[in-house]
Amino acid sequence: MSNKKEKHDYHHGGIFGENTEIYFSALSGIFLTIGFVIAQFTELEPGYSLAGYIISYFFGGYFAFIETVDKLKQAGFEIDFLMLVAAIGAAYLDKWAEGALLLFLFSLGHALEHYAL
């Protein structure tokens, strides 16, 4: 049982204490929404919506990145790595909104899993 807990322990704490992961997920969703609204409903230059998506990437991918680095140091491999690769691939294909949505949903799932436990 303890091995399973270690494998799925995504809580890292942070500036918001125990709730940092859920706040980061919420911030990811907020900036995703801002980027989307700017892209779809305003005449602003695309750089403004891109900025929203990049900030969303940061908040949505922060804990996945930490987990990936920790697992790679242990020669391990988890889904966090695949999600980051998928988000980077979306950015490479100029599909920033899709990558930001992926990271938002993934981070929200992790945060809710932690809350449920």
C-alpha atoms as a PDB file:
ATOM      1  CA  MET A   1       0.000   0.000   0.000  1.00  0.00           C
ATOM      2  CA  SER A   2       2.744   2.489   0.796  1.00  0.00           C
ATOM      3  CA  ASN A   3       4.243   1.953  -2.666  1.00  0.00           C
ATOM      4  CA  LYS A   4       0.921   2.902  -4.247  1.00  0.00           C
ATOM      5  CA  LYS A   5       0.755   6.056  -2.138  1.00  0.00           C
ATOM      6  CA  GLU A   6       4.255   7.073  -3.216  1.00  0.00           C
ATOM      7  CA  LYS A   7       3.394   6.393  -6.842  1.00  0.00           C
ATOM      8  CA  HIS A   8       0.319   8.637  -6.787  1.00  0.00           C
ATOM      9  CA  ASP A   9       1.410  11.355  -4.363  1.00  0.00           C
ATOM     10  CA  TYR A  10       1.117  14.529  -6.408  1.00  0.00           C
ATOM     11  CA  HIS A  11       0.828  16.934  -3.511  1.00  0.00           C
ATOM     12  CA  HIS A  12       3.823  19.194  -3.219  1.00  0.00           C
ATOM     13  CA  GLY A  13       2.591  22.100  -1.142  1.00  0.00           C
ATOM     14  CA  GLY A  14       3.605  25.588  -2.136  1.00  0.00           C
ATOM     15  CA  ILE A  15       2.701  29.194  -1.556  1.00  0.00           C
ATOM     16  CA  PHE A  16      -0.957  28.315  -0.920  1.00  0.00           C
ATOM     17  CA  GLY A  17      -0.166  25.440   1.455  1.00  0.00           C
ATOM     18  CA  GLU A  18      -2.071  22.209   0.980  1.00  0.00           C
ATOM     19  CA  ASN A  19      -4.323  23.781  -1.651  1.00  0.00           C
ATOM     20  CA  THR A  20      -1.580  25.009  -3.971  1.00  0.00           C
ATOM     21  CA  GLU A  21      -2.280  22.338  -6.579  1.00  0.00           C
ATOM     22  CA  ILE A  22      -5.992  23.182  -6.831  1.00  0.00           C
ATOM     23  CA  TYR A  23      -5.218  26.900  -7.016  1.00  0.00           C
ATOM     24  CA  PHE A  24      -2.683  26.316  -9.776  1.00  0.00           C
ATOM     25  CA  SER A  25      -5.259  24.256 -11.641  1.00  0.00           C
ATOM     26  CA  ALA A  26      -7.849  27.025 -11.238  1.00  0.00           C
ATOM     27  CA  LEU A  27      -5.339  29.626 -12.448  1.00  0.00           C
ATOM     28  CA  SER A  28      -4.604  27.428 -15.439  1.00  0.00           C
ATOM     29  CA  GLY A  29      -8.317  27.341 -16.283  1.00  0.00           C
ATOM     30  CA  ILE A  30      -8.687  31.077 -15.784  1.00  0.00           C
ATOM     31  CA  PHE A  31      -5.805  31.927 -18.108  1.00  0.00           C
ATOM     32  CA  LEU A  32      -7.008  29.346 -20.642  1.00  0.00           C
ATOM     33  CA  THR A  33     -10.383  31.070 -20.621  1.00  0.00           C
ATOM     34  CA  ILE A  34      -8.788  34.507 -20.951  1.00  0.00           C
ATOM     35  CA  GLY A  35      -6.725  33.343 -23.918  1.00  0.00           C
ATOM     36  CA  PHE A  36      -9.758  31.753 -25.544  1.00  0.00           C
ATOM     37  CA  VAL A  37     -11.980  34.814 -25.051  1.00  0.00           C
ATOM     38  CA  ILE A  38      -9.294  37.110 -26.457  1.00  0.00           C
ATOM     39  CA  ALA A  39      -8.802  34.833 -29.484  1.00  0.00           C
ATOM     40  CA  GLN A  40     -12.489  34.341 -30.239  1.00  0.00           C
ATOM     41  CA  PHE A  41     -14.237  37.531 -29.228  1.00  0.00           C
ATOM     42  CA  THR A  42     -11.797  40.402 -29.596  1.00  0.00           C
ATOM     43  CA  GLU A  43      -9.821  42.040 -32.350  1.00  0.00           C
ATOM     44  CA  LEU A  44      -6.613  42.024 -30.303  1.00  0.00           C
ATOM     45  CA  GLU A  45      -3.438  40.660 -31.793  1.00  0.00           C
ATOM     46  CA  PRO A  46      -2.883  36.896 -31.431  1.00  0.00           C
ATOM     47  CA  GLY A  47       0.036  37.513 -29.075  1.00  0.00           C
ATOM     48  CA  TYR A  48      -2.377  38.448 -26.290  1.00  0.00           C
ATOM     49  CA  SER A  49      -4.253  35.160 -26.452  1.00  0.00           C
ATOM     50  CA  LEU A  50      -0.940  33.316 -26.768  1.00  0.00           C
ATOM     51  CA  ALA A  51       0.223  34.964 -23.545  1.00  0.00           C
ATOM     52  CA  GLY A  52      -2.886  33.646 -21.784  1.00  0.00           C
ATOM     53  CA  TYR A  53      -2.214  30.149 -23.101  1.00  0.00           C
ATOM     54  CA  ILE A  54       1.453  30.234 -22.084  1.00  0.00           C
ATOM     55  CA  ILE A  55       0.554  31.298 -18.552  1.00  0.00           C
ATOM     56  CA  SER A  56      -2.053  28.527 -18.512  1.00  0.00           C
ATOM     57  CA  TYR A  57       0.658  26.073 -19.589  1.00  0.00           C
ATOM     58  CA  PHE A  58       2.805  27.179 -16.661  1.00  0.00           C
ATOM     59  CA  PHE A  59       0.132  26.727 -13.999  1.00  0.00           C
ATOM     60  CA  GLY A  60      -1.327  23.568 -15.561  1.00  0.00           C
ATOM     61  CA  GLY A  61       2.006  21.877 -16.150  1.00  0.00           C
ATOM     62  CA  TYR A  62       3.916  22.935 -13.044  1.00  0.00           C
ATOM     63  CA  PHE A  63       3.268  19.882 -10.876  1.00  0.00           C
ATOM     64  CA  ALA A  64       3.378  17.482 -13.837  1.00  0.00           C
ATOM     65  CA  PHE A  65       6.820  18.854 -14.654  1.00  0.00           C
ATOM     66  CA  ILE A  66       8.000  18.366 -11.064  1.00  0.00           C
ATOM     67  CA  GLU A  67       6.703  14.786 -11.068  1.00  0.00           C
ATOM     68  CA  THR A  68       8.351  14.091 -14.421  1.00  0.00           C
ATOM     69  CA  VAL A  69      11.725  15.384 -13.244  1.00  0.00           C
ATOM     70  CA  ASP A  70      11.482  13.371 -10.012  1.00  0.00           C
ATOM     71  CA  LYS A  71      10.562  10.168 -11.863  1.00  0.00           C
ATOM     72  CA  LEU A  72      13.234  10.611 -14.542  1.00  0.00           C
ATOM     73  CA  LYS A  73      15.860  11.033 -11.804  1.00  0.00           C
ATOM     74  CA  GLN A  74      14.735   7.626 -10.505  1.00  0.00           C
ATOM     75  CA  ALA A  75      14.778   6.215 -14.054  1.00  0.00           C
ATOM     76  CA  GLY A  76      10.981   6.010 -13.893  1.00  0.00           C
ATOM     77  CA  PHE A  77       8.300   6.884 -16.380  1.00  0.00           C
ATOM     78  CA  GLU A  78       4.725   8.045 -15.738  1.00  0.00           C
ATOM     79  CA  ILE A  79       1.755   9.616 -17.444  1.00  0.00           C
ATOM     80  CA  ASP A  80       2.933  13.098 -16.411  1.00  0.00           C
ATOM     81  CA  PHE A  81       5.739  12.840 -18.956  1.00  0.00           C
ATOM     82  CA  LEU A  82       3.306  11.867 -21.714  1.00  0.00           C
ATOM     83  CA  MET A  83       0.989  14.766 -20.903  1.00  0.00           C
ATOM     84  CA  LEU A  84       3.878  17.213 -21.077  1.00  0.00           C
ATOM     85  CA  VAL A  85       5.015  15.763 -24.406  1.00  0.00           C
ATOM     86  CA  ALA A  86       1.465  16.029 -25.759  1.00  0.00           C
ATOM     87  CA  ALA A  87       1.192  19.669 -24.626  1.00  0.00           C
ATOM     88  CA  ILE A  88       4.569  20.517 -26.151  1.00  0.00           C
ATOM     89  CA  GLY A  89       3.467  18.789 -29.352  1.00  0.00           C
ATOM     90  CA  ALA A  90       0.285  20.860 -29.411  1.00  0.00           C
ATOM     91  CA  ALA A  91       2.337  24.033 -29.002  1.00  0.00           C
ATOM     92  CA  TYR A  92       4.661  22.913 -31.797  1.00  0.00           C
ATOM     93  CA  LEU A  93       1.630  22.448 -34.052  1.00  0.00           C
ATOM     94  CA  ASP A  94       0.437  25.934 -33.043  1.00  0.00           C
ATOM     95  CA  LYS A  95      -2.519  24.468 -31.138  1.00  0.00           C
ATOM     96  CA  TRP A  96      -1.833  26.338 -27.911  1.00  0.00           C
ATOM     97  CA  ALA A  97      -5.442  26.307 -26.733  1.00  0.00           C
ATOM     98  CA  GLU A  98      -5.651  22.518 -27.032  1.00  0.00           C
ATOM     99  CA  GLY A  99      -2.387  22.050 -25.133  1.00  0.00           C
ATOM    100  CA  ALA A 100      -3.499  24.450 -22.413  1.00  0.00           C
ATOM    101  CA  LEU A 101      -6.835  22.629 -22.133  1.00  0.00           C
ATOM    102  CA  LEU A 102      -5.020  19.295 -21.842  1.00  0.00           C
ATOM    103  CA  LEU A 103      -2.784  20.563 -19.031  1.00  0.00           C
ATOM    104  CA  PHE A 104      -5.712  22.244 -17.269  1.00  0.00           C
ATOM    105  CA  LEU A 105      -7.811  19.071 -17.274  1.00  0.00           C
ATOM    106  CA  PHE A 106      -4.842  16.930 -16.262  1.00  0.00           C
ATOM    107  CA  SER A 107      -3.912  19.245 -13.385  1.00  0.00           C
ATOM    108  CA  LEU A 108      -7.543  19.447 -12.278  1.00  0.00           C
ATOM    109  CA  GLY A 109      -7.740  15.651 -12.217  1.00  0.00           C
ATOM    110  CA  HIS A 110      -4.608  15.430 -10.081  1.00  0.00           C
ATOM    111  CA  ALA A 111      -5.805  18.129  -7.707  1.00  0.00           C
ATOM    112  CA  LEU A 112      -9.228  16.517  -7.284  1.00  0.00           C
ATOM    113  CA  GLU A 113      -7.611  13.111  -6.760  1.00  0.00           C
ATOM    114  CA  HIS A 114      -5.534  14.586  -3.948  1.00  0.00           C
ATOM    115  CA  TYR A 115      -8.590  16.301  -2.450  1.00  0.00           C
ATOM    116  CA  ALA A 116     -10.589  13.061  -2.552  1.00  0.00           C
ATOM    117  CA  LEU A 117      -7.849  11.136  -0.779  1.00  0.00           C
END
